[in-house]
Amino acid sequence: MTKLGLPDTVRACLFDLDGVLTRTAVVHAAAWKEMFDDFLRRRDGAGFRPFDPVADYDEYVDGRPRADGVRTFLASRGIELPEGSEDDPPERDTVHGLGTRKNILVLEKIRQEGVEAYPGSVRFVEAVRAAGLRTAVVSSSANCRDVLASAGIEDLFEVRIDGVVAEERKLPGKPHPDTFLEAGRELGVEPAAAAVFEDALAGMDAGRAGAFGYVVGVDRVGQAEELRRHGADTVVKDLAELLEEKA
């Protein structure tokens, strides 16, 4: 293992954004909860069962493209909605309408609360670059570039494969490995020589499906065993632990 806590064969690091690099996962979870609770309350009345911002977020929406998150959570409640279209207004009860509402809410929260990068993650990425490894950010978020810029870490990554790029290139999102594979291709690195860093169960599944050389689970919410079960080779609470272990 290198001083980065990674196998010697790793030549590139592919990082998820929310919950791995930036403290935005909790903001996304709050936006999903506000949107889904409003919808469920209108649909089910006083007997509605609220969206759980930990269990439901981790299992059904975290790491997935926005529309996939809507579909997957609703399916868990036995609800099927019309797809609608990408220009559906936020008050329309379609898959895209609910997704639009969630995005409006998360952008409002980010504007109000700002975006902060995890200091340990910044230290680790800087160490990765100093060691000569390649870097990419891989996120399902269409707001990835703005979040990176707001957090002041955009220049740490050579390649960005996000929700906008995935849509343009018709890449299926996590748990499919295609966005991570695309990042590796842009960096000129085979999957076996790349490490994936994820906090989402869907991201773990993508890392395993893509046969990447190493998959690091980042446990911010106490789901270490689930991350391992979904394919993590190692689990840390903060990326700085990888440096401390091998210092």
C-alpha atoms as a PDB file:
ATOM      1  CA  MET A   1       0.000   0.000   0.000  1.00  0.00           C
ATOM      2  CA  THR A   2       1.135   3.556  -0.723  1.00  0.00           C
ATOM      3  CA  LYS A   3       1.317   6.391   1.801  1.00  0.00           C
ATOM      4  CA  LEU A   4      -2.119   7.341   0.486  1.00  0.00           C
ATOM      5  CA  GLY A   5      -3.565   4.131   1.895  1.00  0.00           C
ATOM      6  CA  LEU A   6      -4.182   2.815  -1.636  1.00  0.00           C
ATOM      7  CA  PRO A   7      -2.796  -0.164  -3.560  1.00  0.00           C
ATOM      8  CA  ASP A   8       0.448   0.541  -5.433  1.00  0.00           C
ATOM      9  CA  THR A   9      -1.347  -0.167  -8.715  1.00  0.00           C
ATOM     10  CA  VAL A  10      -3.735   2.813  -8.397  1.00  0.00           C
ATOM     11  CA  ARG A  11      -2.923   5.633 -10.814  1.00  0.00           C
ATOM     12  CA  ALA A  12      -6.179   7.626 -10.680  1.00  0.00           C
ATOM     13  CA  CYS A  13      -8.733   8.579  -8.036  1.00  0.00           C
ATOM     14  CA  LEU A  14     -12.408   9.079  -8.924  1.00  0.00           C
ATOM     15  CA  PHE A  15     -14.334  11.014  -6.287  1.00  0.00           C
ATOM     16  CA  ASP A  16     -18.050  11.377  -5.702  1.00  0.00           C
ATOM     17  CA  LEU A  17     -19.052  14.919  -4.701  1.00  0.00           C
ATOM     18  CA  ASP A  18     -21.858  15.122  -2.126  1.00  0.00           C
ATOM     19  CA  GLY A  19     -20.837  13.547   1.171  1.00  0.00           C
ATOM     20  CA  VAL A  20     -17.314  12.698  -0.018  1.00  0.00           C
ATOM     21  CA  LEU A  21     -15.830  16.054  -1.013  1.00  0.00           C
ATOM     22  CA  THR A  22     -18.466  18.509   0.205  1.00  0.00           C
ATOM     23  CA  ARG A  23     -20.935  18.743   3.079  1.00  0.00           C
ATOM     24  CA  THR A  24     -23.892  18.827   0.708  1.00  0.00           C
ATOM     25  CA  ALA A  25     -25.342  15.350   1.248  1.00  0.00           C
ATOM     26  CA  VAL A  26     -27.316  16.569   4.273  1.00  0.00           C
ATOM     27  CA  VAL A  27     -28.614  19.490   2.198  1.00  0.00           C
ATOM     28  CA  HIS A  28     -29.769  17.127  -0.555  1.00  0.00           C
ATOM     29  CA  ALA A  29     -31.418  14.828   2.016  1.00  0.00           C
ATOM     30  CA  ALA A  30     -33.310  17.781   3.508  1.00  0.00           C
ATOM     31  CA  ALA A  31     -34.488  18.915   0.057  1.00  0.00           C
ATOM     32  CA  TRP A  32     -35.654  15.398  -0.846  1.00  0.00           C
ATOM     33  CA  LYS A  33     -37.528  15.159   2.459  1.00  0.00           C
ATOM     34  CA  GLU A  34     -39.268  18.503   2.048  1.00  0.00           C
ATOM     35  CA  MET A  35     -40.338  17.671  -1.507  1.00  0.00           C
ATOM     36  CA  PHE A  36     -41.471  14.082  -0.854  1.00  0.00           C
ATOM     37  CA  ASP A  37     -43.235  14.905   2.429  1.00  0.00           C
ATOM     38  CA  ASP A  38     -45.249  17.623   0.713  1.00  0.00           C
ATOM     39  CA  PHE A  39     -46.225  15.216  -2.075  1.00  0.00           C
ATOM     40  CA  LEU A  40     -47.030  12.315   0.278  1.00  0.00           C
ATOM     41  CA  ARG A  41     -49.030  14.531   2.634  1.00  0.00           C
ATOM     42  CA  ARG A  42     -51.166  15.795  -0.244  1.00  0.00           C
ATOM     43  CA  ARG A  43     -51.592  12.265  -1.589  1.00  0.00           C
ATOM     44  CA  ASP A  44     -52.163  10.311   1.624  1.00  0.00           C
ATOM     45  CA  GLY A  45     -53.562  12.892   4.031  1.00  0.00           C
ATOM     46  CA  ALA A  46     -53.105  12.548   7.774  1.00  0.00           C
ATOM     47  CA  GLY A  47     -52.010   8.920   7.408  1.00  0.00           C
ATOM     48  CA  PHE A  48     -48.959   9.734   5.320  1.00  0.00           C
ATOM     49  CA  ARG A  49     -45.606   8.152   6.206  1.00  0.00           C
ATOM     50  CA  PRO A  50     -42.811  10.734   5.939  1.00  0.00           C
ATOM     51  CA  PHE A  51     -39.606  10.353   3.960  1.00  0.00           C
ATOM     52  CA  ASP A  52     -36.730   9.248   6.201  1.00  0.00           C
ATOM     53  CA  PRO A  53     -33.732  11.527   5.453  1.00  0.00           C
ATOM     54  CA  VAL A  54     -31.310   8.786   6.496  1.00  0.00           C
ATOM     55  CA  ALA A  55     -32.756   5.361   5.643  1.00  0.00           C
ATOM     56  CA  ASP A  56     -34.836   6.345   2.588  1.00  0.00           C
ATOM     57  CA  TYR A  57     -32.193   8.772   1.333  1.00  0.00           C
ATOM     58  CA  ASP A  58     -29.396   6.189   1.543  1.00  0.00           C
ATOM     59  CA  GLU A  59     -31.403   3.334   0.057  1.00  0.00           C
ATOM     60  CA  TYR A  60     -33.360   4.988  -2.723  1.00  0.00           C
ATOM     61  CA  VAL A  61     -31.996   8.357  -3.845  1.00  0.00           C
ATOM     62  CA  ASP A  62     -28.395   8.984  -2.728  1.00  0.00           C
ATOM     63  CA  GLY A  63     -25.974   8.884  -5.654  1.00  0.00           C
ATOM     64  CA  ARG A  64     -28.657   8.327  -8.288  1.00  0.00           C
ATOM     65  CA  PRO A  65     -29.653  10.724 -11.069  1.00  0.00           C
ATOM     66  CA  ARG A  66     -32.524  12.895  -9.876  1.00  0.00           C
ATOM     67  CA  ALA A  67     -35.306  11.252 -11.906  1.00  0.00           C
ATOM     68  CA  ASP A  68     -34.070   7.787 -10.948  1.00  0.00           C
ATOM     69  CA  GLY A  69     -34.205   8.802  -7.287  1.00  0.00           C
ATOM     70  CA  VAL A  70     -37.815   9.921  -7.660  1.00  0.00           C
ATOM     71  CA  ARG A  71     -38.806   6.682  -9.389  1.00  0.00           C
ATOM     72  CA  THR A  72     -36.929   4.406  -6.991  1.00  0.00           C
ATOM     73  CA  PHE A  73     -38.336   5.965  -3.816  1.00  0.00           C
ATOM     74  CA  LEU A  74     -41.898   6.123  -5.153  1.00  0.00           C
ATOM     75  CA  ALA A  75     -41.650   2.467  -6.225  1.00  0.00           C
ATOM     76  CA  SER A  76     -40.691   1.580  -2.626  1.00  0.00           C
ATOM     77  CA  ARG A  77     -44.069   3.038  -1.584  1.00  0.00           C
ATOM     78  CA  GLY A  78     -45.948   1.351  -4.413  1.00  0.00           C
ATOM     79  CA  ILE A  79     -46.516   4.665  -6.210  1.00  0.00           C
ATOM     80  CA  GLU A  80     -46.202   5.156  -9.948  1.00  0.00           C
ATOM     81  CA  LEU A  81     -46.435   8.588 -11.549  1.00  0.00           C
ATOM     82  CA  PRO A  82     -46.396   9.741 -15.175  1.00  0.00           C
ATOM     83  CA  GLU A  83     -42.897  10.562 -16.383  1.00  0.00           C
ATOM     84  CA  GLY A  84     -43.831  14.006 -17.652  1.00  0.00           C
ATOM     85  CA  SER A  85     -41.097  16.001 -19.375  1.00  0.00           C
ATOM     86  CA  GLU A  86     -37.973  17.839 -18.269  1.00  0.00           C
ATOM     87  CA  ASP A  87     -39.727  21.206 -18.545  1.00  0.00           C
ATOM     88  CA  ASP A  88     -42.558  20.209 -16.186  1.00  0.00           C
ATOM     89  CA  PRO A  89     -43.170  22.901 -13.542  1.00  0.00           C
ATOM     90  CA  PRO A  90     -42.434  22.018  -9.904  1.00  0.00           C
ATOM     91  CA  GLU A  91     -46.116  21.858  -8.947  1.00  0.00           C
ATOM     92  CA  ARG A  92     -46.857  19.073 -11.448  1.00  0.00           C
ATOM     93  CA  ASP A  93     -47.069  15.590  -9.925  1.00  0.00           C
ATOM     94  CA  THR A  94     -44.894  13.789 -12.442  1.00  0.00           C
ATOM     95  CA  VAL A  95     -41.455  12.218 -12.062  1.00  0.00           C
ATOM     96  CA  HIS A  96     -39.819  15.252 -13.660  1.00  0.00           C
ATOM     97  CA  GLY A  97     -42.082  17.715 -11.848  1.00  0.00           C
ATOM     98  CA  LEU A  98     -41.092  16.332  -8.443  1.00  0.00           C
ATOM     99  CA  GLY A  99     -37.447  16.287  -9.532  1.00  0.00           C
ATOM    100  CA  THR A 100     -37.669  19.930 -10.548  1.00  0.00           C
ATOM    101  CA  ARG A 101     -39.168  20.838  -7.175  1.00  0.00           C
ATOM    102  CA  LYS A 102     -36.357  19.032  -5.358  1.00  0.00           C
ATOM    103  CA  ASN A 103     -33.721  20.856  -7.400  1.00  0.00           C
ATOM    104  CA  ILE A 104     -35.284  24.248  -6.664  1.00  0.00           C
ATOM    105  CA  LEU A 105     -35.262  23.431  -2.958  1.00  0.00           C
ATOM    106  CA  VAL A 106     -31.639  22.234  -2.890  1.00  0.00           C
ATOM    107  CA  LEU A 107     -30.413  25.302  -4.781  1.00  0.00           C
ATOM    108  CA  GLU A 108     -32.271  27.537  -2.307  1.00  0.00           C
ATOM    109  CA  LYS A 109     -30.657  25.730   0.619  1.00  0.00           C
ATOM    110  CA  ILE A 110     -27.185  25.923  -0.942  1.00  0.00           C
ATOM    111  CA  ARG A 111     -27.607  29.661  -1.558  1.00  0.00           C
ATOM    112  CA  GLN A 112     -28.766  30.198   2.029  1.00  0.00           C
ATOM    113  CA  GLU A 113     -26.249  27.928   3.753  1.00  0.00           C
ATOM    114  CA  GLY A 114     -23.279  27.973   1.365  1.00  0.00           C
ATOM    115  CA  VAL A 115     -21.059  25.022   0.484  1.00  0.00           C
ATOM    116  CA  GLU A 116     -18.152  23.727   2.540  1.00  0.00           C
ATOM    117  CA  ALA A 117     -15.603  21.116   1.515  1.00  0.00           C
ATOM    118  CA  TYR A 118     -14.498  18.539   4.075  1.00  0.00           C
ATOM    119  CA  PRO A 119     -10.991  19.611   5.173  1.00  0.00           C
ATOM    120  CA  GLY A 120      -9.835  15.982   5.358  1.00  0.00           C
ATOM    121  CA  SER A 121     -10.988  15.377   1.797  1.00  0.00           C
ATOM    122  CA  VAL A 122      -9.149  18.454   0.545  1.00  0.00           C
ATOM    123  CA  ARG A 123      -5.968  17.277   2.302  1.00  0.00           C
ATOM    124  CA  PHE A 124      -6.312  13.852   0.741  1.00  0.00           C
ATOM    125  CA  VAL A 125      -6.943  15.111  -2.800  1.00  0.00           C
ATOM    126  CA  GLU A 126      -3.993  17.479  -2.521  1.00  0.00           C
ATOM    127  CA  ALA A 127      -1.814  14.559  -1.385  1.00  0.00           C
ATOM    128  CA  VAL A 128      -3.092  12.454  -4.291  1.00  0.00           C
ATOM    129  CA  ARG A 129      -2.127  15.166  -6.766  1.00  0.00           C
ATOM    130  CA  ALA A 130       1.262  15.686  -5.098  1.00  0.00           C
ATOM    131  CA  ALA A 131       1.919  11.959  -5.542  1.00  0.00           C
ATOM    132  CA  GLY A 132       1.288  12.288  -9.278  1.00  0.00           C
ATOM    133  CA  LEU A 133      -2.047  10.471  -9.420  1.00  0.00           C
ATOM    134  CA  ARG A 134      -4.810  11.640 -11.744  1.00  0.00           C
ATOM    135  CA  THR A 135      -8.082  13.020 -10.317  1.00  0.00           C
ATOM    136  CA  ALA A 136     -11.720  13.218 -11.425  1.00  0.00           C
ATOM    137  CA  VAL A 137     -15.008  14.093  -9.778  1.00  0.00           C
ATOM    138  CA  VAL A 138     -17.974  11.865 -10.685  1.00  0.00           C
ATOM    139  CA  SER A 139     -21.387  13.055  -9.542  1.00  0.00           C
ATOM    140  CA  SER A 140     -24.991  12.562 -10.543  1.00  0.00           C
ATOM    141  CA  SER A 141     -25.657  16.203  -9.652  1.00  0.00           C
ATOM    142  CA  ALA A 142     -26.419  18.685 -12.408  1.00  0.00           C
ATOM    143  CA  ASN A 143     -25.141  21.369 -10.013  1.00  0.00           C
ATOM    144  CA  CYS A 144     -21.708  19.789  -9.575  1.00  0.00           C
ATOM    145  CA  ARG A 145     -19.659  22.528 -11.227  1.00  0.00           C
ATOM    146  CA  ASP A 146     -21.322  25.300  -9.215  1.00  0.00           C
ATOM    147  CA  VAL A 147     -20.827  23.371  -5.964  1.00  0.00           C
ATOM    148  CA  LEU A 148     -17.129  22.756  -6.712  1.00  0.00           C
ATOM    149  CA  ALA A 149     -16.628  26.432  -7.503  1.00  0.00           C
ATOM    150  CA  SER A 150     -18.526  27.559  -4.405  1.00  0.00           C
ATOM    151  CA  ALA A 151     -16.394  25.261  -2.232  1.00  0.00           C
ATOM    152  CA  GLY A 152     -13.205  26.526  -3.907  1.00  0.00           C
ATOM    153  CA  ILE A 153     -11.987  23.096  -5.037  1.00  0.00           C
ATOM    154  CA  GLU A 154     -12.767  23.060  -8.763  1.00  0.00           C
ATOM    155  CA  ASP A 155      -9.076  23.239  -9.726  1.00  0.00           C
ATOM    156  CA  LEU A 156      -8.240  20.006  -7.869  1.00  0.00           C
ATOM    157  CA  PHE A 157      -9.862  17.849 -10.553  1.00  0.00           C
ATOM    158  CA  GLU A 158      -8.751  17.261 -14.114  1.00  0.00           C
ATOM    159  CA  VAL A 159     -12.034  15.704 -15.244  1.00  0.00           C
ATOM    160  CA  ARG A 160     -15.648  16.297 -14.220  1.00  0.00           C
ATOM    161  CA  ILE A 161     -18.355  13.793 -15.146  1.00  0.00           C
ATOM    162  CA  ASP A 162     -21.610  15.056 -13.662  1.00  0.00           C
ATOM    163  CA  GLY A 163     -25.331  14.969 -14.334  1.00  0.00           C
ATOM    164  CA  VAL A 164     -25.019  17.437 -17.198  1.00  0.00           C
ATOM    165  CA  VAL A 165     -22.251  15.474 -18.916  1.00  0.00           C
ATOM    166  CA  ALA A 166     -24.050  12.172 -18.321  1.00  0.00           C
ATOM    167  CA  GLU A 167     -27.182  13.527 -19.983  1.00  0.00           C
ATOM    168  CA  GLU A 168     -25.223  14.858 -22.963  1.00  0.00           C
ATOM    169  CA  ARG A 169     -23.387  11.563 -23.451  1.00  0.00           C
ATOM    170  CA  LYS A 170     -26.371   9.342 -22.611  1.00  0.00           C
ATOM    171  CA  LEU A 171     -24.559   7.647 -19.727  1.00  0.00           C
ATOM    172  CA  PRO A 172     -26.740   5.733 -17.267  1.00  0.00           C
ATOM    173  CA  GLY A 173     -26.221   6.865 -13.699  1.00  0.00           C
ATOM    174  CA  LYS A 174     -25.210   5.002 -10.558  1.00  0.00           C
ATOM    175  CA  PRO A 175     -25.587   2.150  -9.607  1.00  0.00           C
ATOM    176  CA  HIS A 176     -24.393   1.582 -13.205  1.00  0.00           C
ATOM    177  CA  PRO A 177     -20.620   2.128 -13.497  1.00  0.00           C
ATOM    178  CA  ASP A 178     -20.736   4.109 -16.747  1.00  0.00           C
ATOM    179  CA  THR A 179     -19.993   7.574 -15.316  1.00  0.00           C
ATOM    180  CA  PHE A 180     -16.954   6.285 -13.409  1.00  0.00           C
ATOM    181  CA  LEU A 181     -15.798   4.357 -16.483  1.00  0.00           C
ATOM    182  CA  GLU A 182     -16.124   7.527 -18.571  1.00  0.00           C
ATOM    183  CA  ALA A 183     -13.975   9.442 -16.086  1.00  0.00           C
ATOM    184  CA  GLY A 184     -11.329   6.733 -16.272  1.00  0.00           C
ATOM    185  CA  ARG A 185     -11.377   6.857 -20.071  1.00  0.00           C
ATOM    186  CA  GLU A 186     -10.898  10.626 -20.072  1.00  0.00           C
ATOM    187  CA  LEU A 187      -7.934  10.229 -17.724  1.00  0.00           C
ATOM    188  CA  GLY A 188      -6.501   7.405 -19.847  1.00  0.00           C
ATOM    189  CA  VAL A 189      -6.610   4.925 -16.962  1.00  0.00           C
ATOM    190  CA  GLU A 190      -8.070   1.414 -16.971  1.00  0.00           C
ATOM    191  CA  PRO A 191     -10.626   0.555 -14.245  1.00  0.00           C
ATOM    192  CA  ALA A 192      -8.181  -1.814 -12.525  1.00  0.00           C
ATOM    193  CA  ALA A 193      -5.790   1.113 -12.000  1.00  0.00           C
ATOM    194  CA  ALA A 194      -8.441   3.469 -10.586  1.00  0.00           C
ATOM    195  CA  ALA A 195      -9.859   3.919  -7.087  1.00  0.00           C
ATOM    196  CA  VAL A 196     -13.461   4.986  -6.474  1.00  0.00           C
ATOM    197  CA  PHE A 197     -14.424   7.094  -3.439  1.00  0.00           C
ATOM    198  CA  GLU A 198     -18.126   7.033  -2.548  1.00  0.00           C
ATOM    199  CA  ASP A 199     -20.511   7.483   0.381  1.00  0.00           C
ATOM    200  CA  ALA A 200     -23.617   6.182  -1.407  1.00  0.00           C
ATOM    201  CA  LEU A 201     -24.696   2.561  -1.591  1.00  0.00           C
ATOM    202  CA  ALA A 202     -25.473   3.086  -5.285  1.00  0.00           C
ATOM    203  CA  GLY A 203     -21.916   4.342  -5.714  1.00  0.00           C
ATOM    204  CA  MET A 204     -20.541   1.217  -4.039  1.00  0.00           C
ATOM    205  CA  ASP A 205     -22.565  -0.885  -6.471  1.00  0.00           C
ATOM    206  CA  ALA A 206     -21.142   1.133  -9.372  1.00  0.00           C
ATOM    207  CA  GLY A 207     -17.595   0.628  -8.142  1.00  0.00           C
ATOM    208  CA  ARG A 208     -18.100  -3.108  -7.861  1.00  0.00           C
ATOM    209  CA  ALA A 209     -19.864  -3.385 -11.234  1.00  0.00           C
ATOM    210  CA  GLY A 210     -17.061  -1.481 -12.967  1.00  0.00           C
ATOM    211  CA  ALA A 211     -14.343  -3.806 -11.596  1.00  0.00           C
ATOM    212  CA  PHE A 212     -12.324  -0.868 -10.294  1.00  0.00           C
ATOM    213  CA  GLY A 213      -9.020  -1.558  -8.577  1.00  0.00           C
ATOM    214  CA  TYR A 214     -10.081  -0.232  -5.174  1.00  0.00           C
ATOM    215  CA  VAL A 215     -13.341   1.084  -3.714  1.00  0.00           C
ATOM    216  CA  VAL A 216     -13.286   3.337  -0.662  1.00  0.00           C
ATOM    217  CA  GLY A 217     -16.514   3.785   1.273  1.00  0.00           C
ATOM    218  CA  VAL A 218     -16.876   7.075   3.158  1.00  0.00           C
ATOM    219  CA  ASP A 219     -19.154   6.573   6.142  1.00  0.00           C
ATOM    220  CA  ARG A 220     -20.638   9.885   7.248  1.00  0.00           C
ATOM    221  CA  VAL A 221     -23.901   8.447   8.664  1.00  0.00           C
ATOM    222  CA  GLY A 222     -23.018   5.181  10.396  1.00  0.00           C
ATOM    223  CA  GLN A 223     -23.562   2.685   7.583  1.00  0.00           C
ATOM    224  CA  ALA A 224     -20.108   1.078   7.431  1.00  0.00           C
ATOM    225  CA  GLU A 225     -21.394  -2.480   7.207  1.00  0.00           C
ATOM    226  CA  GLU A 226     -23.812  -1.597   4.417  1.00  0.00           C
ATOM    227  CA  LEU A 227     -21.005   0.074   2.476  1.00  0.00           C
ATOM    228  CA  ARG A 228     -18.899  -3.069   2.821  1.00  0.00           C
ATOM    229  CA  ARG A 229     -21.804  -5.269   1.818  1.00  0.00           C
ATOM    230  CA  HIS A 230     -22.252  -3.187  -1.335  1.00  0.00           C
ATOM    231  CA  GLY A 231     -18.625  -3.555  -2.359  1.00  0.00           C
ATOM    232  CA  ALA A 232     -16.295  -1.287  -0.353  1.00  0.00           C
ATOM    233  CA  ASP A 233     -12.748  -2.626   0.007  1.00  0.00           C
ATOM    234  CA  THR A 234     -12.240  -0.318   2.973  1.00  0.00           C
ATOM    235  CA  VAL A 235     -14.420   2.136   4.911  1.00  0.00           C
ATOM    236  CA  VAL A 236     -13.308   5.386   6.559  1.00  0.00           C
ATOM    237  CA  LYS A 237     -15.193   8.163   8.306  1.00  0.00           C
ATOM    238  CA  ASP A 238     -12.985  10.782   6.658  1.00  0.00           C
ATOM    239  CA  LEU A 239     -10.492  10.554   3.799  1.00  0.00           C
ATOM    240  CA  ALA A 240      -7.746  11.985   6.002  1.00  0.00           C
ATOM    241  CA  GLU A 241      -7.764   8.622   7.832  1.00  0.00           C
ATOM    242  CA  LEU A 242      -6.121   7.077   4.779  1.00  0.00           C
ATOM    243  CA  LEU A 243      -3.166   9.427   5.164  1.00  0.00           C
ATOM    244  CA  GLU A 244      -2.932   8.923   8.922  1.00  0.00           C
ATOM    245  CA  GLU A 245      -2.977   5.126   8.628  1.00  0.00           C
ATOM    246  CA  LYS A 246       0.043   5.141   6.323  1.00  0.00           C
ATOM    247  CA  ALA A 247       1.899   8.174   7.633  1.00  0.00           C
END
